[in-house]
């Protein structure tokens, strides 16, 4: 049944999925919406939150066979945006405690959408459908070529468990666990943690999972970035002043930079070689 006209979706607190216009809030202006969307995700307004951050308006994400459309509540004044899959370079999903976000980086634009992690179930269901449309499997899927680094810890086991798509084949993967270290300042000793990184190349995409947030270890968060193989120009092992770096170069001049200690140079070079894109 169509929502009544007096509805104010800015008061909604939970995300939900919709399969037709009749299931969407009536106070959104959808007059320009294209026909035939596969799935829609409503994200409620985000509160001001930390450090007086400006709250985001309610938004609806529409998934089509070849594009993603994002509509904001009319009161925000934000114009709808269409992101064709052909221009979508990578997707980022992250969460730290109750703070969650999605970021879509495309040649035409970039959009970051925030949500409360109590809505994670609806977000995950929407993303599974999006992934199946966006990440096309390779016509020549290979077998696993190599798994480098130590076994995954529990945090990254859980992150990977919900990541792989049905039938997806991991060709190569590399894990660098977090590591505790101490810094001494006179009589004081301070504990610090080096963030962990997991990188994998599959038959359809490159995946980078990390607990690095603003270049610092985040014990209660995880960030996952994934790019289709067509967006990846190459993987390179590059020396830096204090160690080694795995650089994943994407189209449009984008680069994911993953630092590592010099003692991991052999493993990183082996991973870059094993993960050569075909």
C-alpha atoms as a PDB file:
ATOM      1  CA  UNK A   1       0.000   0.000   0.000  1.00  0.00           C
ATOM      2  CA  UNK A   2       1.260   3.491  -0.875  1.00  0.00           C
ATOM      3  CA  UNK A   3       2.365   5.561   2.115  1.00  0.00           C
ATOM      4  CA  UNK A   4      -0.037   8.384   3.007  1.00  0.00           C
ATOM      5  CA  UNK A   5       0.859  11.933   1.965  1.00  0.00           C
ATOM      6  CA  UNK A   6       1.362  13.145   5.528  1.00  0.00           C
ATOM      7  CA  UNK A   7       4.361  10.878   6.011  1.00  0.00           C
ATOM      8  CA  UNK A   8       7.648  12.560   6.915  1.00  0.00           C
ATOM      9  CA  UNK A   9      10.461  10.120   6.205  1.00  0.00           C
ATOM     10  CA  UNK A  10      12.897  12.423   8.022  1.00  0.00           C
ATOM     11  CA  UNK A  11      11.441  10.917  11.191  1.00  0.00           C
ATOM     12  CA  UNK A  12      12.247   7.349  10.138  1.00  0.00           C
ATOM     13  CA  UNK A  13      15.009   5.665  12.120  1.00  0.00           C
ATOM     14  CA  UNK A  14      15.539   2.377  10.285  1.00  0.00           C
ATOM     15  CA  UNK A  15      16.660   1.391   6.801  1.00  0.00           C
ATOM     16  CA  UNK A  16      14.480  -0.841   4.639  1.00  0.00           C
ATOM     17  CA  UNK A  17      14.429  -2.424   1.190  1.00  0.00           C
ATOM     18  CA  UNK A  18      11.794  -1.876  -1.487  1.00  0.00           C
ATOM     19  CA  UNK A  19      10.967  -3.558  -4.768  1.00  0.00           C
ATOM     20  CA  UNK A  20       8.448  -1.069  -6.155  1.00  0.00           C
ATOM     21  CA  UNK A  21       7.442   2.605  -5.993  1.00  0.00           C
ATOM     22  CA  UNK A  22       4.464   1.722  -3.812  1.00  0.00           C
ATOM     23  CA  UNK A  23       6.808   0.676  -0.994  1.00  0.00           C
ATOM     24  CA  UNK A  24       8.726   3.983  -0.936  1.00  0.00           C
ATOM     25  CA  UNK A  25       8.063   7.065   1.244  1.00  0.00           C
ATOM     26  CA  UNK A  26       5.500   9.365  -0.383  1.00  0.00           C
ATOM     27  CA  UNK A  27       7.352  12.583   0.521  1.00  0.00           C
ATOM     28  CA  UNK A  28      10.194  11.872  -1.951  1.00  0.00           C
ATOM     29  CA  UNK A  29       9.979  13.508  -5.367  1.00  0.00           C
ATOM     30  CA  UNK A  30      10.460  10.558  -7.706  1.00  0.00           C
ATOM     31  CA  UNK A  31       8.906  12.136 -10.793  1.00  0.00           C
ATOM     32  CA  UNK A  32      12.205  11.846 -12.687  1.00  0.00           C
ATOM     33  CA  UNK A  33      12.879   8.276 -11.582  1.00  0.00           C
ATOM     34  CA  UNK A  34      13.526   5.848 -14.404  1.00  0.00           C
ATOM     35  CA  UNK A  35      11.355   2.765 -14.674  1.00  0.00           C
ATOM     36  CA  UNK A  36      12.507  -0.733 -13.998  1.00  0.00           C
ATOM     37  CA  UNK A  37      14.743  -0.520 -10.939  1.00  0.00           C
ATOM     38  CA  UNK A  38      15.648  -3.897  -9.461  1.00  0.00           C
ATOM     39  CA  UNK A  39      15.941  -2.949  -5.823  1.00  0.00           C
ATOM     40  CA  UNK A  40      15.862   0.146  -3.621  1.00  0.00           C
ATOM     41  CA  UNK A  41      17.445   0.882  -0.239  1.00  0.00           C
ATOM     42  CA  UNK A  42      16.102   3.615   2.032  1.00  0.00           C
ATOM     43  CA  UNK A  43      18.678   5.075   4.442  1.00  0.00           C
ATOM     44  CA  UNK A  44      17.255   7.240   7.247  1.00  0.00           C
ATOM     45  CA  UNK A  45      18.576  10.631   8.267  1.00  0.00           C
ATOM     46  CA  UNK A  46      21.817  10.538  10.194  1.00  0.00           C
ATOM     47  CA  UNK A  47      21.962  12.547  13.391  1.00  0.00           C
ATOM     48  CA  UNK A  48      24.563  15.284  13.903  1.00  0.00           C
ATOM     49  CA  UNK A  49      26.858  12.894  15.737  1.00  0.00           C
ATOM     50  CA  UNK A  50      30.512  13.475  16.459  1.00  0.00           C
ATOM     51  CA  UNK A  51      32.121  16.933  16.515  1.00  0.00           C
ATOM     52  CA  UNK A  52      28.964  18.694  15.356  1.00  0.00           C
ATOM     53  CA  UNK A  53      28.974  16.838  12.037  1.00  0.00           C
ATOM     54  CA  UNK A  54      26.174  18.010   9.748  1.00  0.00           C
ATOM     55  CA  UNK A  55      23.454  15.349   9.618  1.00  0.00           C
ATOM     56  CA  UNK A  56      22.818  13.707   6.270  1.00  0.00           C
ATOM     57  CA  UNK A  57      19.280  13.692   4.832  1.00  0.00           C
ATOM     58  CA  UNK A  58      17.297  10.523   4.191  1.00  0.00           C
ATOM     59  CA  UNK A  59      18.330   8.949   0.893  1.00  0.00           C
ATOM     60  CA  UNK A  60      17.124   6.208  -1.418  1.00  0.00           C
ATOM     61  CA  UNK A  61      19.520   4.154  -3.546  1.00  0.00           C
ATOM     62  CA  UNK A  62      18.014   2.639  -6.699  1.00  0.00           C
ATOM     63  CA  UNK A  63      19.723  -0.295  -8.357  1.00  0.00           C
ATOM     64  CA  UNK A  64      19.327  -0.859 -12.094  1.00  0.00           C
ATOM     65  CA  UNK A  65      20.896  -3.428 -14.397  1.00  0.00           C
ATOM     66  CA  UNK A  66      23.604  -0.973 -15.444  1.00  0.00           C
ATOM     67  CA  UNK A  67      23.533   1.944 -13.006  1.00  0.00           C
ATOM     68  CA  UNK A  68      22.957   3.218  -9.489  1.00  0.00           C
ATOM     69  CA  UNK A  69      20.776   6.255  -8.729  1.00  0.00           C
ATOM     70  CA  UNK A  70      20.809   8.193  -5.453  1.00  0.00           C
ATOM     71  CA  UNK A  71      17.907  10.420  -4.380  1.00  0.00           C
ATOM     72  CA  UNK A  72      17.949  12.624  -1.273  1.00  0.00           C
ATOM     73  CA  UNK A  73      14.928  13.955   0.596  1.00  0.00           C
ATOM     74  CA  UNK A  74      13.542  17.027  -1.291  1.00  0.00           C
ATOM     75  CA  UNK A  75      14.047  19.295   1.747  1.00  0.00           C
ATOM     76  CA  UNK A  76      17.842  18.832   1.415  1.00  0.00           C
ATOM     77  CA  UNK A  77      18.000  20.520  -1.971  1.00  0.00           C
ATOM     78  CA  UNK A  78      20.389  17.793  -3.116  1.00  0.00           C
ATOM     79  CA  UNK A  79      20.003  16.829  -6.762  1.00  0.00           C
ATOM     80  CA  UNK A  80      19.640  13.176  -7.772  1.00  0.00           C
ATOM     81  CA  UNK A  81      22.770  11.556  -9.165  1.00  0.00           C
ATOM     82  CA  UNK A  82      23.150   8.671 -11.596  1.00  0.00           C
ATOM     83  CA  UNK A  83      26.302   6.533 -11.492  1.00  0.00           C
ATOM     84  CA  UNK A  84      26.618   4.194 -14.510  1.00  0.00           C
ATOM     85  CA  UNK A  85      28.430   0.963 -13.682  1.00  0.00           C
ATOM     86  CA  UNK A  86      30.748   1.651 -16.628  1.00  0.00           C
ATOM     87  CA  UNK A  87      32.027   4.734 -14.719  1.00  0.00           C
ATOM     88  CA  UNK A  88      32.026   3.258 -11.194  1.00  0.00           C
ATOM     89  CA  UNK A  89      35.682   2.712 -10.293  1.00  0.00           C
ATOM     90  CA  UNK A  90      35.476   1.352  -6.765  1.00  0.00           C
ATOM     91  CA  UNK A  91      33.210   0.974  -3.741  1.00  0.00           C
ATOM     92  CA  UNK A  92      34.171   1.443  -0.107  1.00  0.00           C
ATOM     93  CA  UNK A  93      32.243   0.082   2.865  1.00  0.00           C
ATOM     94  CA  UNK A  94      33.302   0.863   6.411  1.00  0.00           C
ATOM     95  CA  UNK A  95      32.102   0.756   9.986  1.00  0.00           C
ATOM     96  CA  UNK A  96      33.454   1.882  13.359  1.00  0.00           C
ATOM     97  CA  UNK A  97      31.148   0.944  16.234  1.00  0.00           C
ATOM     98  CA  UNK A  98      27.781   2.582  15.324  1.00  0.00           C
ATOM     99  CA  UNK A  99      29.180   4.667  12.471  1.00  0.00           C
ATOM    100  CA  UNK A 100      28.832   3.079   9.026  1.00  0.00           C
ATOM    101  CA  UNK A 101      29.283   4.429   5.525  1.00  0.00           C
ATOM    102  CA  UNK A 102      29.265   3.598   1.824  1.00  0.00           C
ATOM    103  CA  UNK A 103      31.401   5.464  -0.683  1.00  0.00           C
ATOM    104  CA  UNK A 104      30.973   5.233  -4.440  1.00  0.00           C
ATOM    105  CA  UNK A 105      33.860   6.612  -6.500  1.00  0.00           C
ATOM    106  CA  UNK A 106      33.127   7.096 -10.188  1.00  0.00           C
ATOM    107  CA  UNK A 107      34.543   9.059 -13.083  1.00  0.00           C
ATOM    108  CA  UNK A 108      31.482  11.309 -12.974  1.00  0.00           C
ATOM    109  CA  UNK A 109      31.285  11.921  -9.217  1.00  0.00           C
ATOM    110  CA  UNK A 110      31.912  10.631  -5.698  1.00  0.00           C
ATOM    111  CA  UNK A 111      29.253  10.038  -3.060  1.00  0.00           C
ATOM    112  CA  UNK A 112      29.654   9.045   0.583  1.00  0.00           C
ATOM    113  CA  UNK A 113      26.509   7.884   2.382  1.00  0.00           C
ATOM    114  CA  UNK A 114      26.493   7.483   6.166  1.00  0.00           C
ATOM    115  CA  UNK A 115      24.269   5.179   8.208  1.00  0.00           C
ATOM    116  CA  UNK A 116      23.958   3.755  11.696  1.00  0.00           C
ATOM    117  CA  UNK A 117      25.255   0.192  11.881  1.00  0.00           C
ATOM    118  CA  UNK A 118      21.970  -0.948  13.442  1.00  0.00           C
ATOM    119  CA  UNK A 119      20.843  -0.830   9.777  1.00  0.00           C
ATOM    120  CA  UNK A 120      23.655  -3.095   8.581  1.00  0.00           C
ATOM    121  CA  UNK A 121      21.421  -6.028   7.691  1.00  0.00           C
ATOM    122  CA  UNK A 122      19.433  -4.054   5.105  1.00  0.00           C
ATOM    123  CA  UNK A 123      22.631  -2.506   3.729  1.00  0.00           C
ATOM    124  CA  UNK A 124      24.300  -5.913   3.347  1.00  0.00           C
ATOM    125  CA  UNK A 125      21.283  -7.373   1.539  1.00  0.00           C
ATOM    126  CA  UNK A 126      21.247  -4.454  -0.894  1.00  0.00           C
ATOM    127  CA  UNK A 127      24.977  -4.738  -1.523  1.00  0.00           C
ATOM    128  CA  UNK A 128      24.762  -8.439  -2.309  1.00  0.00           C
ATOM    129  CA  UNK A 129      22.383  -7.657  -5.166  1.00  0.00           C
ATOM    130  CA  UNK A 130      24.563  -4.731  -6.259  1.00  0.00           C
ATOM    131  CA  UNK A 131      27.686  -6.910  -6.287  1.00  0.00           C
ATOM    132  CA  UNK A 132      26.049  -9.546  -8.469  1.00  0.00           C
ATOM    133  CA  UNK A 133      25.172  -6.854 -11.024  1.00  0.00           C
ATOM    134  CA  UNK A 134      28.428  -4.899 -10.846  1.00  0.00           C
ATOM    135  CA  UNK A 135      31.157  -7.547 -10.498  1.00  0.00           C
ATOM    136  CA  UNK A 136      30.931  -9.755 -13.552  1.00  0.00           C
ATOM    137  CA  UNK A 137      32.833 -13.045 -13.273  1.00  0.00           C
ATOM    138  CA  UNK A 138      35.798 -13.612 -15.557  1.00  0.00           C
ATOM    139  CA  UNK A 139      35.275 -15.882 -18.556  1.00  0.00           C
ATOM    140  CA  UNK A 140      38.479 -17.677 -17.561  1.00  0.00           C
ATOM    141  CA  UNK A 141      38.323 -17.979 -13.803  1.00  0.00           C
ATOM    142  CA  UNK A 142      41.559 -19.315 -12.366  1.00  0.00           C
ATOM    143  CA  UNK A 143      42.348 -21.350  -9.294  1.00  0.00           C
ATOM    144  CA  UNK A 144      44.011 -20.041  -6.151  1.00  0.00           C
ATOM    145  CA  UNK A 145      47.624 -19.222  -6.999  1.00  0.00           C
ATOM    146  CA  UNK A 146      48.948 -18.345  -3.589  1.00  0.00           C
ATOM    147  CA  UNK A 147      48.122 -17.399  -0.021  1.00  0.00           C
ATOM    148  CA  UNK A 148      50.885 -15.318   1.507  1.00  0.00           C
ATOM    149  CA  UNK A 149      51.435 -14.114   5.044  1.00  0.00           C
ATOM    150  CA  UNK A 150      50.246 -15.671   8.326  1.00  0.00           C
ATOM    151  CA  UNK A 151      46.741 -17.109   8.851  1.00  0.00           C
ATOM    152  CA  UNK A 152      43.918 -14.596   9.258  1.00  0.00           C
ATOM    153  CA  UNK A 153      43.048 -13.549  12.790  1.00  0.00           C
ATOM    154  CA  UNK A 154      39.434 -13.753  14.011  1.00  0.00           C
ATOM    155  CA  UNK A 155      38.614 -10.146  13.052  1.00  0.00           C
ATOM    156  CA  UNK A 156      39.662 -10.656   9.441  1.00  0.00           C
ATOM    157  CA  UNK A 157      38.191 -14.150   9.247  1.00  0.00           C
ATOM    158  CA  UNK A 158      34.810 -12.609  10.028  1.00  0.00           C
ATOM    159  CA  UNK A 159      35.363  -9.769   7.554  1.00  0.00           C
ATOM    160  CA  UNK A 160      36.225 -12.202   4.761  1.00  0.00           C
ATOM    161  CA  UNK A 161      33.452 -14.673   5.616  1.00  0.00           C
ATOM    162  CA  UNK A 162      30.744 -12.240   4.499  1.00  0.00           C
ATOM    163  CA  UNK A 163      32.710 -10.840   1.561  1.00  0.00           C
ATOM    164  CA  UNK A 164      33.005 -13.568  -1.073  1.00  0.00           C
ATOM    165  CA  UNK A 165      30.346 -13.916  -3.736  1.00  0.00           C
ATOM    166  CA  UNK A 166      28.884 -17.255  -4.877  1.00  0.00           C
ATOM    167  CA  UNK A 167      31.343 -18.897  -7.248  1.00  0.00           C
ATOM    168  CA  UNK A 168      34.032 -16.253  -6.756  1.00  0.00           C
ATOM    169  CA  UNK A 169      37.569 -17.643  -7.114  1.00  0.00           C
ATOM    170  CA  UNK A 170      40.471 -16.136  -5.150  1.00  0.00           C
ATOM    171  CA  UNK A 171      43.575 -16.176  -7.327  1.00  0.00           C
ATOM    172  CA  UNK A 172      45.988 -14.732  -4.757  1.00  0.00           C
ATOM    173  CA  UNK A 173      45.789 -13.239  -1.271  1.00  0.00           C
ATOM    174  CA  UNK A 174      48.112 -11.550   1.196  1.00  0.00           C
ATOM    175  CA  UNK A 175      47.615 -10.830   4.907  1.00  0.00           C
ATOM    176  CA  UNK A 176      49.686  -8.580   7.138  1.00  0.00           C
ATOM    177  CA  UNK A 177      48.398  -8.753  10.733  1.00  0.00           C
ATOM    178  CA  UNK A 178      48.332  -5.884  13.184  1.00  0.00           C
ATOM    179  CA  UNK A 179      51.353  -5.639  15.438  1.00  0.00           C
ATOM    180  CA  UNK A 180      51.918  -4.065  18.808  1.00  0.00           C
ATOM    181  CA  UNK A 181      54.936  -1.845  19.368  1.00  0.00           C
ATOM    182  CA  UNK A 182      56.149   0.510  22.069  1.00  0.00           C
ATOM    183  CA  UNK A 183      57.579   4.012  21.869  1.00  0.00           C
ATOM    184  CA  UNK A 184      59.698   5.378  24.676  1.00  0.00           C
ATOM    185  CA  UNK A 185      59.626   9.032  25.692  1.00  0.00           C
ATOM    186  CA  UNK A 186      62.082   9.436  28.565  1.00  0.00           C
ATOM    187  CA  UNK A 187      60.657   7.504  31.513  1.00  0.00           C
ATOM    188  CA  UNK A 188      57.348   6.943  29.692  1.00  0.00           C
ATOM    189  CA  UNK A 189      56.521   4.042  27.401  1.00  0.00           C
ATOM    190  CA  UNK A 190      53.570   4.276  25.033  1.00  0.00           C
ATOM    191  CA  UNK A 191      51.816   1.336  23.366  1.00  0.00           C
ATOM    192  CA  UNK A 192      50.893   1.598  19.682  1.00  0.00           C
ATOM    193  CA  UNK A 193      49.408  -0.805  17.156  1.00  0.00           C
ATOM    194  CA  UNK A 194      50.255  -1.097  13.473  1.00  0.00           C
ATOM    195  CA  UNK A 195      47.078  -1.596  11.369  1.00  0.00           C
ATOM    196  CA  UNK A 196      46.418  -4.871   9.570  1.00  0.00           C
ATOM    197  CA  UNK A 197      45.798  -5.291   5.837  1.00  0.00           C
ATOM    198  CA  UNK A 198      44.328  -8.070   3.715  1.00  0.00           C
ATOM    199  CA  UNK A 199      44.481  -7.918  -0.087  1.00  0.00           C
ATOM    200  CA  UNK A 200      43.061 -10.402  -2.569  1.00  0.00           C
ATOM    201  CA  UNK A 201      42.663 -10.671  -6.325  1.00  0.00           C
ATOM    202  CA  UNK A 202      39.748 -12.786  -7.505  1.00  0.00           C
ATOM    203  CA  UNK A 203      38.361 -13.700 -10.916  1.00  0.00           C
ATOM    204  CA  UNK A 204      36.276 -10.508 -10.886  1.00  0.00           C
ATOM    205  CA  UNK A 205      37.749  -7.858  -8.545  1.00  0.00           C
ATOM    206  CA  UNK A 206      40.507  -6.669  -6.229  1.00  0.00           C
ATOM    207  CA  UNK A 207      39.598  -6.523  -2.516  1.00  0.00           C
ATOM    208  CA  UNK A 208      41.415  -4.584   0.213  1.00  0.00           C
ATOM    209  CA  UNK A 209      40.280  -5.025   3.824  1.00  0.00           C
ATOM    210  CA  UNK A 210      41.955  -3.003   6.573  1.00  0.00           C
ATOM    211  CA  UNK A 211      41.517  -1.660  10.083  1.00  0.00           C
ATOM    212  CA  UNK A 212      43.480   1.442   9.107  1.00  0.00           C
ATOM    213  CA  UNK A 213      41.383   4.609   9.520  1.00  0.00           C
ATOM    214  CA  UNK A 214      42.969   8.001   8.870  1.00  0.00           C
ATOM    215  CA  UNK A 215      46.306   6.211   8.889  1.00  0.00           C
ATOM    216  CA  UNK A 216      45.809   4.842  12.412  1.00  0.00           C
ATOM    217  CA  UNK A 217      44.830   1.469  13.845  1.00  0.00           C
ATOM    218  CA  UNK A 218      41.107   1.259  14.566  1.00  0.00           C
ATOM    219  CA  UNK A 219      40.434  -1.652  16.974  1.00  0.00           C
ATOM    220  CA  UNK A 220      36.629  -1.421  16.596  1.00  0.00           C
ATOM    221  CA  UNK A 221      36.379  -0.855  12.865  1.00  0.00           C
ATOM    222  CA  UNK A 222      36.982  -2.382   9.461  1.00  0.00           C
ATOM    223  CA  UNK A 223      37.079  -0.819   5.991  1.00  0.00           C
ATOM    224  CA  UNK A 224      36.655  -2.775   2.765  1.00  0.00           C
ATOM    225  CA  UNK A 225      37.439  -1.409  -0.695  1.00  0.00           C
ATOM    226  CA  UNK A 226      36.748  -3.328  -3.885  1.00  0.00           C
ATOM    227  CA  UNK A 227      37.330  -2.508  -7.531  1.00  0.00           C
ATOM    228  CA  UNK A 228      36.378  -4.479 -10.659  1.00  0.00           C
ATOM    229  CA  UNK A 229      39.313  -5.826 -12.645  1.00  0.00           C
ATOM    230  CA  UNK A 230      38.583  -3.380 -15.460  1.00  0.00           C
ATOM    231  CA  UNK A 231      39.411  -0.513 -13.050  1.00  0.00           C
ATOM    232  CA  UNK A 232      42.820  -1.928 -12.076  1.00  0.00           C
ATOM    233  CA  UNK A 233      45.925  -0.927 -14.044  1.00  0.00           C
ATOM    234  CA  UNK A 234      48.339  -3.028 -12.002  1.00  0.00           C
ATOM    235  CA  UNK A 235      49.880  -4.005  -8.665  1.00  0.00           C
ATOM    236  CA  UNK A 236      53.382  -2.829  -7.798  1.00  0.00           C
ATOM    237  CA  UNK A 237      55.852  -3.337  -4.969  1.00  0.00           C
ATOM    238  CA  UNK A 238      57.613  -0.037  -4.317  1.00  0.00           C
ATOM    239  CA  UNK A 239      60.326   0.884  -1.781  1.00  0.00           C
ATOM    240  CA  UNK A 240      59.627   3.790   0.568  1.00  0.00           C
ATOM    241  CA  UNK A 241      61.737   5.504   3.194  1.00  0.00           C
ATOM    242  CA  UNK A 242      60.670   3.349   6.138  1.00  0.00           C
ATOM    243  CA  UNK A 243      59.838   0.053   4.423  1.00  0.00           C
ATOM    244  CA  UNK A 244      57.968  -1.239   1.414  1.00  0.00           C
ATOM    245  CA  UNK A 245      54.606  -0.417  -0.152  1.00  0.00           C
ATOM    246  CA  UNK A 246      52.094  -2.352  -2.221  1.00  0.00           C
ATOM    247  CA  UNK A 247      50.506   0.074  -4.671  1.00  0.00           C
ATOM    248  CA  UNK A 248      47.296  -0.848  -6.468  1.00  0.00           C
ATOM    249  CA  UNK A 249      46.887   1.605  -9.312  1.00  0.00           C
ATOM    250  CA  UNK A 250      43.383   2.261 -10.623  1.00  0.00           C
ATOM    251  CA  UNK A 251      42.124   4.122 -13.648  1.00  0.00           C
ATOM    252  CA  UNK A 252      41.635   7.844 -13.257  1.00  0.00           C
ATOM    253  CA  UNK A 253      44.942   8.317 -11.422  1.00  0.00           C
ATOM    254  CA  UNK A 254      43.735   6.632  -8.206  1.00  0.00           C
ATOM    255  CA  UNK A 255      46.088   4.514  -6.074  1.00  0.00           C
ATOM    256  CA  UNK A 256      45.542   2.359  -3.004  1.00  0.00           C
ATOM    257  CA  UNK A 257      48.779   2.489  -0.978  1.00  0.00           C
ATOM    258  CA  UNK A 258      49.381  -0.283   1.545  1.00  0.00           C
ATOM    259  CA  UNK A 259      52.558   0.193   3.629  1.00  0.00           C
ATOM    260  CA  UNK A 260      54.484  -2.724   5.087  1.00  0.00           C
ATOM    261  CA  UNK A 261      57.779  -3.338   6.903  1.00  0.00           C
ATOM    262  CA  UNK A 262      60.814  -4.118   4.791  1.00  0.00           C
ATOM    263  CA  UNK A 263      60.891  -7.721   6.048  1.00  0.00           C
ATOM    264  CA  UNK A 264      57.696  -8.374   4.035  1.00  0.00           C
ATOM    265  CA  UNK A 265      59.274  -7.355   0.720  1.00  0.00           C
ATOM    266  CA  UNK A 266      59.642 -10.937  -0.529  1.00  0.00           C
ATOM    267  CA  UNK A 267      56.020 -11.784   0.231  1.00  0.00           C
ATOM    268  CA  UNK A 268      54.673  -8.573  -1.300  1.00  0.00           C
ATOM    269  CA  UNK A 269      56.689  -9.061  -4.487  1.00  0.00           C
ATOM    270  CA  UNK A 270      55.482 -12.667  -4.682  1.00  0.00           C
ATOM    271  CA  UNK A 271      51.877 -11.527  -4.236  1.00  0.00           C
ATOM    272  CA  UNK A 272      52.183  -8.814  -6.913  1.00  0.00           C
ATOM    273  CA  UNK A 273      53.601 -11.420  -9.310  1.00  0.00           C
ATOM    274  CA  UNK A 274      50.985 -14.072  -8.459  1.00  0.00           C
ATOM    275  CA  UNK A 275      48.180 -11.522  -8.790  1.00  0.00           C
ATOM    276  CA  UNK A 276      49.098 -10.387 -12.304  1.00  0.00           C
ATOM    277  CA  UNK A 277      45.803  -9.543 -13.969  1.00  0.00           C
ATOM    278  CA  UNK A 278      44.993 -11.462 -17.103  1.00  0.00           C
END
